[in-house]
Amino acid sequence: MSAANRRMSKHKAAGKLKQQKRTQPKYLGVKVSDGEKVNAGAIIIRQRGTKFKSGKGVKVGRDHSLYAGVPGTVKFEQKLGRKQVSVN
């Protein structure tokens, strides 16, 4: 047996993942389907950036979340090639 074999480690070197903080999942996406009834203030979509635009009766939050400004029924539509959400 050579000297190199005797000095080999019993375990692989630990990666950086053990030192890093694991962040919580953000649970993004559509929360309410088309045609569902919502109350004012109900979150419709959580998103990063404006993938969906706000339409009539929908407001945009600080983190680009879309929420109902008025009670009503959710409607998903396309306007000028952009996805849009409105509450009537």
PDB file of N, CA and C in Angstrom:
ATOM      1  N   MET A   1       0.845  -1.180   0.000  1.00  0.00           N
ATOM      2  CA  MET A   1       0.000   0.000   0.000  1.00  0.00           C
ATOM      3  C   MET A   1       0.888   1.241   0.000  1.00  0.00           C
ATOM      4  N   SER A   2       0.566   2.184  -0.866  1.00  0.00           N
ATOM      5  CA  SER A   2       1.413   3.370  -0.978  1.00  0.00           C
ATOM      6  C   SER A   2       1.054   4.391   0.097  1.00  0.00           C
ATOM      7  N   ALA A   3       1.899   5.374   0.283  1.00  0.00           N
ATOM      8  CA  ALA A   3       1.684   6.416   1.285  1.00  0.00           C
ATOM      9  C   ALA A   3       0.478   7.285   0.949  1.00  0.00           C
ATOM     10  N   ALA A   4       0.199   7.454  -0.334  1.00  0.00           N
ATOM     11  CA  ALA A   4      -0.935   8.285  -0.761  1.00  0.00           C
ATOM     12  C   ALA A   4      -2.257   7.646  -0.347  1.00  0.00           C
ATOM     13  N   ASN A   5      -2.379   6.339  -0.438  1.00  0.00           N
ATOM     14  CA  ASN A   5      -3.620   5.653  -0.081  1.00  0.00           C
ATOM     15  C   ASN A   5      -3.907   5.716   1.408  1.00  0.00           C
ATOM     16  N   ARG A   6      -2.873   5.692   2.240  1.00  0.00           N
ATOM     17  CA  ARG A   6      -3.061   5.723   3.680  1.00  0.00           C
ATOM     18  C   ARG A   6      -3.550   7.085   4.161  1.00  0.00           C
ATOM     19  N   ARG A   7      -3.241   8.149   3.423  1.00  0.00           N
ATOM     20  CA  ARG A   7      -3.622   9.495   3.841  1.00  0.00           C
ATOM     21  C   ARG A   7      -4.976   9.931   3.284  1.00  0.00           C
ATOM     22  N   MET A   8      -5.694   9.078   2.631  1.00  0.00           N
ATOM     23  CA  MET A   8      -6.983   9.472   2.043  1.00  0.00           C
ATOM     24  C   MET A   8      -8.031   9.710   3.136  1.00  0.00           C
ATOM     25  N   SER A   9      -8.890  10.626   2.865  1.00  0.00           N
ATOM     26  CA  SER A   9      -9.926  10.984   3.823  1.00  0.00           C
ATOM     27  C   SER A   9     -11.004   9.904   3.890  1.00  0.00           C
ATOM     28  N   LYS A  10     -11.615   9.774   5.033  1.00  0.00           N
ATOM     29  CA  LYS A  10     -12.713   8.812   5.189  1.00  0.00           C
ATOM     30  C   LYS A  10     -14.029   9.406   4.676  1.00  0.00           C
ATOM     31  N   HIS A  11     -14.126  10.749   4.675  1.00  0.00           N
ATOM     32  CA  HIS A  11     -15.346  11.437   4.219  1.00  0.00           C
ATOM     33  C   HIS A  11     -14.995  12.449   3.144  1.00  0.00           C
ATOM     34  N   LYS A  12     -15.984  12.728   2.317  1.00  0.00           N
ATOM     35  CA  LYS A  12     -15.808  13.797   1.318  1.00  0.00           C
ATOM     36  C   LYS A  12     -15.781  15.133   2.050  1.00  0.00           C
ATOM     37  N   ALA A  13     -15.174  16.122   1.446  1.00  0.00           N
ATOM     38  CA  ALA A  13     -15.129  17.458   2.043  1.00  0.00           C
ATOM     39  C   ALA A  13     -16.544  18.042   2.077  1.00  0.00           C
ATOM     40  N   ALA A  14     -16.890  18.689   3.164  1.00  0.00           N
ATOM     41  CA  ALA A  14     -18.228  19.274   3.308  1.00  0.00           C
ATOM     42  C   ALA A  14     -18.338  20.503   2.420  1.00  0.00           C
ATOM     43  N   GLY A  15     -19.495  20.660   1.779  1.00  0.00           N
ATOM     44  CA  GLY A  15     -19.718  21.804   0.891  1.00  0.00           C
ATOM     45  C   GLY A  15     -20.138  23.032   1.675  1.00  0.00           C
ATOM     46  N   LYS A  16     -20.329  24.123   0.956  1.00  0.00           N
ATOM     47  CA  LYS A  16     -20.726  25.391   1.571  1.00  0.00           C
ATOM     48  C   LYS A  16     -22.172  25.364   2.050  1.00  0.00           C
ATOM     49  N   LEU A  17     -22.979  24.460   1.520  1.00  0.00           N
ATOM     50  CA  LEU A  17     -24.409  24.438   1.844  1.00  0.00           C
ATOM     51  C   LEU A  17     -24.661  24.295   3.343  1.00  0.00           C
ATOM     52  N   LYS A  18     -23.781  23.600   4.042  1.00  0.00           N
ATOM     53  CA  LYS A  18     -23.970  23.420   5.482  1.00  0.00           C
ATOM     54  C   LYS A  18     -23.776  24.728   6.236  1.00  0.00           C
ATOM     55  N   GLN A  19     -23.055  25.669   5.645  1.00  0.00           N
ATOM     56  CA  GLN A  19     -22.793  26.943   6.308  1.00  0.00           C
ATOM     57  C   GLN A  19     -23.830  27.999   5.961  1.00  0.00           C
ATOM     58  N   GLN A  20     -24.518  27.829   4.834  1.00  0.00           N
ATOM     59  CA  GLN A  20     -25.441  28.859   4.360  1.00  0.00           C
ATOM     60  C   GLN A  20     -26.804  28.729   5.009  1.00  0.00           C
ATOM     61  N   LYS A  21     -27.486  29.870   5.125  1.00  0.00           N
ATOM     62  CA  LYS A  21     -28.836  29.899   5.654  1.00  0.00           C
ATOM     63  C   LYS A  21     -29.787  29.486   4.543  1.00  0.00           C
ATOM     64  N   ARG A  22     -30.681  28.587   4.817  1.00  0.00           N
ATOM     65  CA  ARG A  22     -31.655  28.152   3.820  1.00  0.00           C
ATOM     66  C   ARG A  22     -32.885  29.039   3.935  1.00  0.00           C
ATOM     67  N   THR A  23     -33.243  29.716   2.851  1.00  0.00           N
ATOM     68  CA  THR A  23     -34.366  30.648   2.875  1.00  0.00           C
ATOM     69  C   THR A  23     -35.696  29.910   2.720  1.00  0.00           C
ATOM     70  N   GLN A  24     -36.730  30.526   3.226  1.00  0.00           N
ATOM     71  CA  GLN A  24     -38.073  29.953   3.144  1.00  0.00           C
ATOM     72  C   GLN A  24     -38.620  30.104   1.728  1.00  0.00           C
ATOM     73  N   PRO A  25     -39.446  29.153   1.251  1.00  0.00           N
ATOM     74  CA  PRO A  25     -40.071  29.303  -0.056  1.00  0.00           C
ATOM     75  C   PRO A  25     -41.073  30.451  -0.034  1.00  0.00           C
ATOM     76  N   LYS A  26     -41.257  31.113  -1.165  1.00  0.00           N
ATOM     77  CA  LYS A  26     -42.072  32.332  -1.202  1.00  0.00           C
ATOM     78  C   LYS A  26     -43.516  32.092  -1.629  1.00  0.00           C
ATOM     79  N   TYR A  27     -43.853  30.898  -2.078  1.00  0.00           N
ATOM     80  CA  TYR A  27     -45.226  30.543  -2.434  1.00  0.00           C
ATOM     81  C   TYR A  27     -45.842  31.521  -3.431  1.00  0.00           C
ATOM     82  N   LEU A  28     -45.155  31.746  -4.550  1.00  0.00           N
ATOM     83  CA  LEU A  28     -45.638  32.650  -5.585  1.00  0.00           C
ATOM     84  C   LEU A  28     -46.670  31.949  -6.460  1.00  0.00           C
ATOM     85  N   GLY A  29     -47.418  32.739  -7.236  1.00  0.00           N
ATOM     86  CA  GLY A  29     -48.344  32.173  -8.211  1.00  0.00           C
ATOM     87  C   GLY A  29     -49.754  32.694  -8.056  1.00  0.00           C
ATOM     88  N   VAL A  30     -50.647  32.118  -8.859  1.00  0.00           N
ATOM     89  CA  VAL A  30     -52.053  32.508  -8.871  1.00  0.00           C
ATOM     90  C   VAL A  30     -52.744  31.868  -7.675  1.00  0.00           C
ATOM     91  N   LYS A  31     -53.436  32.672  -6.886  1.00  0.00           N
ATOM     92  CA  LYS A  31     -54.109  32.187  -5.679  1.00  0.00           C
ATOM     93  C   LYS A  31     -55.612  32.017  -5.875  1.00  0.00           C
ATOM     94  N   VAL A  32     -56.185  32.711  -6.865  1.00  0.00           N
ATOM     95  CA  VAL A  32     -57.626  32.671  -7.105  1.00  0.00           C
ATOM     96  C   VAL A  32     -57.856  32.404  -8.588  1.00  0.00           C
ATOM     97  N   SER A  33     -58.779  31.489  -8.907  1.00  0.00           N
ATOM     98  CA  SER A  33     -59.053  31.132 -10.297  1.00  0.00           C
ATOM     99  C   SER A  33     -60.036  32.089 -10.949  1.00  0.00           C
ATOM    100  N   ASP A  34     -60.135  31.992 -12.273  1.00  0.00           N
ATOM    101  CA  ASP A  34     -61.070  32.791 -13.059  1.00  0.00           C
ATOM    102  C   ASP A  34     -62.499  32.426 -12.670  1.00  0.00           C
ATOM    103  N   GLY A  35     -63.329  33.443 -12.420  1.00  0.00           N
ATOM    104  CA  GLY A  35     -64.731  33.212 -12.076  1.00  0.00           C
ATOM    105  C   GLY A  35     -65.012  33.081 -10.591  1.00  0.00           C
ATOM    106  N   GLU A  36     -63.976  33.048  -9.765  1.00  0.00           N
ATOM    107  CA  GLU A  36     -64.181  32.937  -8.317  1.00  0.00           C
ATOM    108  C   GLU A  36     -64.558  34.289  -7.730  1.00  0.00           C
ATOM    109  N   LYS A  37     -65.376  34.256  -6.692  1.00  0.00           N
ATOM    110  CA  LYS A  37     -65.765  35.485  -5.997  1.00  0.00           C
ATOM    111  C   LYS A  37     -64.722  35.811  -4.933  1.00  0.00           C
ATOM    112  N   VAL A  38     -64.398  37.104  -4.793  1.00  0.00           N
ATOM    113  CA  VAL A  38     -63.417  37.535  -3.798  1.00  0.00           C
ATOM    114  C   VAL A  38     -63.943  38.756  -3.055  1.00  0.00           C
ATOM    115  N   ASN A  39     -63.464  38.929  -1.841  1.00  0.00           N
ATOM    116  CA  ASN A  39     -63.752  40.132  -1.068  1.00  0.00           C
ATOM    117  C   ASN A  39     -62.656  41.159  -1.341  1.00  0.00           C
ATOM    118  N   ALA A  40     -62.900  42.397  -0.976  1.00  0.00           N
ATOM    119  CA  ALA A  40     -61.893  43.443  -1.141  1.00  0.00           C
ATOM    120  C   ALA A  40     -60.684  43.107  -0.269  1.00  0.00           C
ATOM    121  N   GLY A  41     -59.500  43.239  -0.827  1.00  0.00           N
ATOM    122  CA  GLY A  41     -58.268  42.963  -0.094  1.00  0.00           C
ATOM    123  C   GLY A  41     -57.739  41.554  -0.272  1.00  0.00           C
ATOM    124  N   ALA A  42     -58.500  40.678  -0.928  1.00  0.00           N
ATOM    125  CA  ALA A  42     -58.054  39.297  -1.141  1.00  0.00           C
ATOM    126  C   ALA A  42     -56.930  39.263  -2.169  1.00  0.00           C
ATOM    127  N   ILE A  43     -55.885  38.512  -1.873  1.00  0.00           N
ATOM    128  CA  ILE A  43     -54.762  38.406  -2.798  1.00  0.00           C
ATOM    129  C   ILE A  43     -55.145  37.480  -3.947  1.00  0.00           C
ATOM    130  N   ILE A  44     -54.908  37.957  -5.171  1.00  0.00           N
ATOM    131  CA  ILE A  44     -55.235  37.184  -6.365  1.00  0.00           C
ATOM    132  C   ILE A  44     -53.980  36.499  -6.902  1.00  0.00           C
ATOM    133  N   ILE A  45     -52.876  37.259  -7.012  1.00  0.00           N
ATOM    134  CA  ILE A  45     -51.617  36.715  -7.542  1.00  0.00           C
ATOM    135  C   ILE A  45     -50.441  37.258  -6.738  1.00  0.00           C
ATOM    136  N   ARG A  46     -49.510  36.366  -6.396  1.00  0.00           N
ATOM    137  CA  ARG A  46     -48.217  36.795  -5.845  1.00  0.00           C
ATOM    138  C   ARG A  46     -47.208  36.589  -6.956  1.00  0.00           C
ATOM    139  N   GLN A  47     -46.454  37.643  -7.293  1.00  0.00           N
ATOM    140  CA  GLN A  47     -45.533  37.568  -8.419  1.00  0.00           C
ATOM    141  C   GLN A  47     -44.292  38.405  -8.180  1.00  0.00           C
ATOM    142  N   ARG A  48     -43.247  38.110  -8.942  1.00  0.00           N
ATOM    143  CA  ARG A  48     -42.033  38.917  -8.946  1.00  0.00           C
ATOM    144  C   ARG A  48     -42.031  39.677 -10.266  1.00  0.00           C
ATOM    145  N   GLY A  49     -42.122  41.000 -10.192  1.00  0.00           N
ATOM    146  CA  GLY A  49     -42.289  41.784 -11.413  1.00  0.00           C
ATOM    147  C   GLY A  49     -43.746  41.761 -11.823  1.00  0.00           C
ATOM    148  N   THR A  50     -44.079  42.437 -12.899  1.00  0.00           N
ATOM    149  CA  THR A  50     -45.472  42.505 -13.330  1.00  0.00           C
ATOM    150  C   THR A  50     -45.732  41.559 -14.495  1.00  0.00           C
ATOM    151  N   LYS A  51     -45.748  40.261 -14.204  1.00  0.00           N
ATOM    152  CA  LYS A  51     -46.085  39.254 -15.203  1.00  0.00           C
ATOM    153  C   LYS A  51     -47.550  39.429 -15.595  1.00  0.00           C
ATOM    154  N   PHE A  52     -48.396  39.701 -14.595  1.00  0.00           N
ATOM    155  CA  PHE A  52     -49.800  40.017 -14.814  1.00  0.00           C
ATOM    156  C   PHE A  52     -50.010  41.497 -14.510  1.00  0.00           C
ATOM    157  N   LYS A  53     -50.763  42.179 -15.351  1.00  0.00           N
ATOM    158  CA  LYS A  53     -51.092  43.589 -15.122  1.00  0.00           C
ATOM    159  C   LYS A  53     -52.389  43.676 -14.329  1.00  0.00           C
ATOM    160  N   SER A  54     -52.597  44.801 -13.651  1.00  0.00           N
ATOM    161  CA  SER A  54     -53.841  45.001 -12.908  1.00  0.00           C
ATOM    162  C   SER A  54     -54.871  45.659 -13.816  1.00  0.00           C
ATOM    163  N   GLY A  55     -56.084  45.175 -13.737  1.00  0.00           N
ATOM    164  CA  GLY A  55     -57.188  45.743 -14.511  1.00  0.00           C
ATOM    165  C   GLY A  55     -58.139  46.482 -13.584  1.00  0.00           C
ATOM    166  N   LYS A  56     -59.393  46.553 -14.003  1.00  0.00           N
ATOM    167  CA  LYS A  56     -60.411  47.258 -13.235  1.00  0.00           C
ATOM    168  C   LYS A  56     -60.677  46.531 -11.911  1.00  0.00           C
ATOM    169  N   GLY A  57     -60.650  47.279 -10.810  1.00  0.00           N
ATOM    170  CA  GLY A  57     -60.948  46.704  -9.496  1.00  0.00           C
ATOM    171  C   GLY A  57     -59.800  45.940  -8.858  1.00  0.00           C
ATOM    172  N   VAL A  58     -58.595  46.030  -9.444  1.00  0.00           N
ATOM    173  CA  VAL A  58     -57.435  45.313  -8.905  1.00  0.00           C
ATOM    174  C   VAL A  58     -56.337  46.322  -8.599  1.00  0.00           C
ATOM    175  N   LYS A  59     -55.678  46.155  -7.460  1.00  0.00           N
ATOM    176  CA  LYS A  59     -54.591  47.044  -7.062  1.00  0.00           C
ATOM    177  C   LYS A  59     -53.289  46.263  -6.996  1.00  0.00           C
ATOM    178  N   VAL A  60     -52.172  46.996  -7.104  1.00  0.00           N
ATOM    179  CA  VAL A  60     -50.839  46.383  -7.088  1.00  0.00           C
ATOM    180  C   VAL A  60     -50.174  46.686  -5.753  1.00  0.00           C
ATOM    181  N   GLY A  61     -49.664  45.650  -5.095  1.00  0.00           N
ATOM    182  CA  GLY A  61     -48.976  45.809  -3.820  1.00  0.00           C
ATOM    183  C   GLY A  61     -47.526  46.215  -4.018  1.00  0.00           C
ATOM    184  N   ARG A  62     -46.849  46.469  -2.914  1.00  0.00           N
ATOM    185  CA  ARG A  62     -45.451  46.883  -2.917  1.00  0.00           C
ATOM    186  C   ARG A  62     -44.540  45.854  -3.582  1.00  0.00           C
ATOM    187  N   ASP A  63     -44.855  44.576  -3.412  1.00  0.00           N
ATOM    188  CA  ASP A  63     -44.039  43.496  -3.990  1.00  0.00           C
ATOM    189  C   ASP A  63     -44.635  42.975  -5.296  1.00  0.00           C
ATOM    190  N   HIS A  64     -45.428  43.807  -5.972  1.00  0.00           N
ATOM    191  CA  HIS A  64     -46.075  43.504  -7.257  1.00  0.00           C
ATOM    192  C   HIS A  64     -47.202  42.494  -7.134  1.00  0.00           C
ATOM    193  N   SER A  65     -47.633  42.162  -5.913  1.00  0.00           N
ATOM    194  CA  SER A  65     -48.781  41.286  -5.734  1.00  0.00           C
ATOM    195  C   SER A  65     -50.030  42.005  -6.209  1.00  0.00           C
ATOM    196  N   LEU A  66     -50.959  41.244  -6.780  1.00  0.00           N
ATOM    197  CA  LEU A  66     -52.227  41.817  -7.209  1.00  0.00           C
ATOM    198  C   LEU A  66     -53.297  41.409  -6.204  1.00  0.00           C
ATOM    199  N   TYR A  67     -54.091  42.379  -5.766  1.00  0.00           N
ATOM    200  CA  TYR A  67     -55.162  42.080  -4.826  1.00  0.00           C
ATOM    201  C   TYR A  67     -56.416  42.834  -5.217  1.00  0.00           C
ATOM    202  N   ALA A  68     -57.546  42.315  -4.765  1.00  0.00           N
ATOM    203  CA  ALA A  68     -58.837  42.890  -5.124  1.00  0.00           C
ATOM    204  C   ALA A  68     -59.043  44.211  -4.391  1.00  0.00           C
ATOM    205  N   GLY A  69     -59.410  45.236  -5.129  1.00  0.00           N
ATOM    206  CA  GLY A  69     -59.714  46.539  -4.534  1.00  0.00           C
ATOM    207  C   GLY A  69     -61.182  46.646  -4.167  1.00  0.00           C
ATOM    208  N   VAL A  70     -62.012  45.852  -4.834  1.00  0.00           N
ATOM    209  CA  VAL A  70     -63.465  45.838  -4.595  1.00  0.00           C
ATOM    210  C   VAL A  70     -63.927  44.390  -4.542  1.00  0.00           C
ATOM    211  N   PRO A  71     -65.040  44.111  -3.858  1.00  0.00           N
ATOM    212  CA  PRO A  71     -65.562  42.741  -3.890  1.00  0.00           C
ATOM    213  C   PRO A  71     -66.171  42.443  -5.262  1.00  0.00           C
ATOM    214  N   GLY A  72     -66.053  41.208  -5.698  1.00  0.00           N
ATOM    215  CA  GLY A  72     -66.619  40.839  -6.999  1.00  0.00           C
ATOM    216  C   GLY A  72     -66.063  39.521  -7.501  1.00  0.00           C
ATOM    217  N   THR A  73     -66.136  39.334  -8.827  1.00  0.00           N
ATOM    218  CA  THR A  73     -65.701  38.109  -9.479  1.00  0.00           C
ATOM    219  C   THR A  73     -64.412  38.362 -10.257  1.00  0.00           C
ATOM    220  N   VAL A  74     -63.459  37.451 -10.124  1.00  0.00           N
ATOM    221  CA  VAL A  74     -62.165  37.588 -10.786  1.00  0.00           C
ATOM    222  C   VAL A  74     -62.293  37.212 -12.259  1.00  0.00           C
ATOM    223  N   LYS A  75     -61.649  38.012 -13.120  1.00  0.00           N
ATOM    224  CA  LYS A  75     -61.665  37.741 -14.560  1.00  0.00           C
ATOM    225  C   LYS A  75     -60.246  37.891 -15.113  1.00  0.00           C
ATOM    226  N   PHE A  76     -59.735  36.801 -15.734  1.00  0.00           N
ATOM    227  CA  PHE A  76     -58.431  36.833 -16.390  1.00  0.00           C
ATOM    228  C   PHE A  76     -58.659  37.088 -17.874  1.00  0.00           C
ATOM    229  N   GLU A  77     -57.871  38.015 -18.447  1.00  0.00           N
ATOM    230  CA  GLU A  77     -58.034  38.350 -19.858  1.00  0.00           C
ATOM    231  C   GLU A  77     -56.692  38.758 -20.452  1.00  0.00           C
ATOM    232  N   GLN A  78     -56.669  38.927 -21.774  1.00  0.00           N
ATOM    233  CA  GLN A  78     -55.470  39.429 -22.447  1.00  0.00           C
ATOM    234  C   GLN A  78     -55.821  40.731 -23.128  1.00  0.00           C
ATOM    235  N   LYS A  79     -54.977  41.733 -22.907  1.00  0.00           N
ATOM    236  CA  LYS A  79     -55.186  43.037 -23.515  1.00  0.00           C
ATOM    237  C   LYS A  79     -53.877  43.462 -24.154  1.00  0.00           C
ATOM    238  N   LEU A  80     -53.879  43.645 -25.456  1.00  0.00           N
ATOM    239  CA  LEU A  80     -52.681  44.013 -26.217  1.00  0.00           C
ATOM    240  C   LEU A  80     -51.542  43.015 -25.976  1.00  0.00           C
ATOM    241  N   GLY A  81     -51.893  41.743 -25.900  1.00  0.00           N
ATOM    242  CA  GLY A  81     -50.875  40.695 -25.738  1.00  0.00           C
ATOM    243  C   GLY A  81     -50.354  40.531 -24.322  1.00  0.00           C
ATOM    244  N   ARG A  82     -50.864  41.310 -23.373  1.00  0.00           N
ATOM    245  CA  ARG A  82     -50.430  41.204 -21.969  1.00  0.00           C
ATOM    246  C   ARG A  82     -51.534  40.559 -21.147  1.00  0.00           C
ATOM    247  N   LYS A  83     -51.155  39.704 -20.196  1.00  0.00           N
ATOM    248  CA  LYS A  83     -52.129  39.097 -19.291  1.00  0.00           C
ATOM    249  C   LYS A  83     -52.603  40.155 -18.315  1.00  0.00           C
ATOM    250  N   GLN A  84     -53.893  40.187 -18.050  1.00  0.00           N
ATOM    251  CA  GLN A  84     -54.473  41.200 -17.173  1.00  0.00           C
ATOM    252  C   GLN A  84     -55.527  40.542 -16.289  1.00  0.00           C
ATOM    253  N   VAL A  85     -55.649  41.038 -15.078  1.00  0.00           N
ATOM    254  CA  VAL A  85     -56.626  40.520 -14.122  1.00  0.00           C
ATOM    255  C   VAL A  85     -57.529  41.670 -13.695  1.00  0.00           C
ATOM    256  N   SER A  86     -58.830  41.430 -13.681  1.00  0.00           N
ATOM    257  CA  SER A  86     -59.758  42.456 -13.216  1.00  0.00           C
ATOM    258  C   SER A  86     -60.801  41.812 -12.309  1.00  0.00           C
ATOM    259  N   VAL A  87     -61.448  42.649 -11.500  1.00  0.00           N
ATOM    260  CA  VAL A  87     -62.514  42.211 -10.601  1.00  0.00           C
ATOM    261  C   VAL A  87     -63.736  43.061 -10.889  1.00  0.00           C
ATOM    262  N   ASN A  88     -64.840  42.408 -11.253  1.00  0.00           N
ATOM    263  CA  ASN A  88     -66.093  43.117 -11.548  1.00  0.00           C
ATOM    264  C   ASN A  88     -67.153  42.759 -10.544  1.00  0.00           C
TER     265      ASN A  88
END
